[in-house]
Amino acid sequence: MEENLKNQEQEAMPDQHEHHDEHNYDGIEELDNPPPRWIMAIFYITIAFSIFFTAYYFWLDVGTLQDERYIRQSARHDAKYQLSNSEKEELALLTDAASLEEGKAIYSEMSCFACHGMQGEGNAIGPNLCDDAWLINCDFQSVFNIIKNGNPAKGMTAFKTQLSDTRIQKVSSYVLSLKGSNPPNAKQAQGEHCE
């Protein structure tokens, strides 16, 4: 009875694998089965995506390709760089009393006195700004750059995020105006002689 049931099941169930006698090598038989549905779904999704991608970037010209984005970003960077260079060329040492007074106010506002003293005489932290010996060059551009970008090795904070270039210009001019003054309790000279 069991054999009859097995035979009936085998007759009712068609063979799932199509056998090909010509595809039999060394006892290994090649079957002709369809691929799983999930693989076919991935295949069709890939085809649909490639059609959409091609249309979006090449036929409709809506999307920007990587090289186009690079060219645009480079142009923006170049324009910004040229603008910042042109601004630097305009910045120069200010000698008028109003600018120096404003520079002195910025010096106090930004607490420069905490390291350099109220009159630029220096203290245990920062160097004397009044003598002729400087740790950096004493030209306007060097002072401007050290205030703007700081000097982490010496503990000098960068003020580029806190002050505009114009305000840095004014405080730089004020610092240079201190050179040659002789405040009381001045710190000993550090650095090289600078004129």
Foldseek 3Di string as FASTA:
>chain_A
DVVVVVVVVPVVDDDQWDWDPVQADPNDTDTDHDDDPVVVVVVVVVVVVVVVVCCCCPVVVPDDDPVRVVVVVVVVVVVVVVVVVVVVVPQAQDDDPVLLVLLLVVCVVVVVCVAQNNLSLGDPQHARLAEQFDQWALHLVGQLCCQQVNDVVSPGDHCVVPDPSSSSSSNSNNSSVNHNDDDPPHDDGDHHGYD
